[in-house]
Amino acid sequence: MTHYSVEWIEAWCQENGWTELFIERRNNYWAFPPGGVIPEPIPSHVLKSIKAEKGLTFEERLWSVSAVIGTIVAVISTFVLRCPMPLVAAFAFNAVTVAQFELEDA
């Protein structure tokens, strides 16, 4: 899951003089600092402050909404079918969804 929008990072880079942003792998952003000749990773405290300011990305919102809708459907299905399996499936899906929200510390 992508936790940061590229547009957010690009805007920060333009404001702070960093150039040539590129993504090494998911959620790992590098750019040339002001006056630098070697690219450096965008500092993690900067990424955390951007995340705190901007909130959830589109992908995170999509996963959150699908988890809520899936849970509602599972609860209704459990009562209608009188079977706990839809609720178990929703629990498993929600566990995977919540695990994807964890930020990796690089």
Protein backbone atom coordinates (compact mmCIF):
# COMPACT_ATOMS: atom_id res chain seq x y z
CA MET A 1 0.00 0.00 0.00
CA THR A 2 1.30 3.42 -0.90
CA HIS A 3 1.28 5.66 2.17
CA TYR A 4 2.46 8.87 0.50
CA SER A 5 1.19 10.57 -2.62
CA VAL A 6 3.94 11.45 -5.11
CA GLU A 7 2.34 14.87 -5.55
CA TRP A 8 2.78 15.56 -1.83
CA ILE A 9 6.46 14.66 -1.95
CA GLU A 10 7.04 16.65 -5.17
CA ALA A 11 5.42 19.72 -3.61
CA TRP A 12 7.67 19.43 -0.55
CA CYS A 13 10.73 19.03 -2.80
CA GLN A 14 9.86 22.17 -4.78
CA GLU A 15 9.28 24.17 -1.59
CA ASN A 16 12.59 23.07 -0.06
CA GLY A 17 14.87 23.09 -3.13
CA TRP A 18 15.23 19.33 -3.57
CA THR A 19 15.38 18.21 -7.22
CA GLU A 20 14.91 15.12 -9.40
CA LEU A 21 12.66 13.09 -7.12
CA PHE A 22 12.58 9.36 -7.84
CA ILE A 23 11.06 6.37 -6.10
CA GLU A 24 13.53 3.58 -5.39
CA ARG A 25 10.77 1.25 -4.19
CA ARG A 26 7.36 1.71 -2.60
CA ASN A 27 7.42 4.45 0.06
CA ASN A 28 11.16 5.03 -0.39
CA TYR A 29 11.77 8.43 -1.99
CA TRP A 30 15.13 9.91 -3.04
CA ALA A 31 16.09 13.32 -4.41
CA PHE A 32 19.03 15.68 -4.70
CA PRO A 33 19.18 18.08 -1.72
CA PRO A 34 19.90 21.76 -2.32
CA GLY A 35 23.46 22.05 -3.65
CA GLY A 36 23.96 18.29 -3.46
CA VAL A 37 25.56 16.09 -6.09
CA ILE A 38 24.46 12.74 -4.63
CA PRO A 39 20.79 11.86 -4.12
CA GLU A 40 19.68 11.28 -0.56
CA PRO A 41 16.54 9.71 0.86
CA ILE A 42 13.83 12.12 1.87
CA PRO A 43 14.16 12.28 5.68
CA SER A 44 11.67 10.09 7.52
CA HIS A 45 10.60 12.92 9.84
CA VAL A 46 9.66 14.94 6.75
CA LEU A 47 7.59 12.04 5.38
CA LYS A 48 5.85 11.66 8.73
CA SER A 49 5.05 15.37 8.91
CA ILE A 50 3.68 15.32 5.35
CA LYS A 51 1.55 12.30 6.25
CA ALA A 52 0.26 14.01 9.40
CA GLU A 53 -0.64 17.12 7.41
CA LYS A 54 -2.22 15.48 4.36
CA GLY A 55 -3.94 12.41 5.88
CA LEU A 56 -4.85 9.28 3.93
CA THR A 57 -3.98 8.62 0.30
CA PHE A 58 -6.62 7.51 -2.19
CA GLU A 59 -5.46 3.90 -1.90
CA GLU A 60 -5.71 3.97 1.89
CA ARG A 61 -9.20 5.45 1.72
CA LEU A 62 -10.24 2.76 -0.76
CA TRP A 63 -8.99 -0.04 1.50
CA SER A 64 -10.68 1.54 4.53
CA VAL A 65 -14.04 1.93 2.82
CA SER A 66 -13.90 -1.60 1.43
CA ALA A 67 -13.14 -2.97 4.91
CA VAL A 68 -16.11 -1.14 6.42
CA ILE A 69 -18.47 -2.18 3.62
CA GLY A 70 -17.20 -5.77 3.78
CA THR A 71 -17.81 -5.87 7.52
CA ILE A 72 -21.35 -4.53 7.17
CA VAL A 73 -22.12 -7.07 4.45
CA ALA A 74 -20.61 -9.85 6.57
CA VAL A 75 -22.70 -8.93 9.63
CA ILE A 76 -25.89 -8.90 7.58
CA SER A 77 -24.93 -12.18 5.88
CA THR A 78 -24.17 -13.79 9.24
CA PHE A 79 -27.67 -13.00 10.51
CA VAL A 80 -29.42 -13.96 7.28
CA LEU A 81 -27.51 -17.21 6.74
CA ARG A 82 -27.17 -18.01 10.45
CA CYS A 83 -23.57 -18.92 9.80
CA PRO A 84 -20.47 -17.26 11.27
CA MET A 85 -18.25 -17.77 8.21
CA PRO A 86 -18.94 -14.39 6.54
CA LEU A 87 -17.90 -12.69 9.77
CA VAL A 88 -14.74 -14.82 9.94
CA ALA A 89 -13.88 -13.86 6.35
CA ALA A 90 -14.46 -10.18 7.13
CA PHE A 91 -12.21 -10.47 10.19
CA ALA A 92 -9.43 -11.99 8.06
CA PHE A 93 -9.79 -9.29 5.40
CA ASN A 94 -9.74 -6.55 8.04
CA ALA A 95 -6.64 -8.06 9.67
CA VAL A 96 -4.79 -7.92 6.35
CA THR A 97 -6.04 -4.38 5.73
CA VAL A 98 -4.89 -3.11 9.12
CA ALA A 99 -1.50 -4.79 8.66
CA GLN A 100 -1.04 -2.91 5.37
CA PHE A 101 -1.52 0.39 7.19
CA GLU A 102 1.66 -0.14 9.21
CA LEU A 103 4.44 2.17 8.04
CA GLU A 104 7.75 0.52 7.32
CA ASP A 105 10.71 2.20 8.99
CA ALA A 106 13.52 2.20 6.47
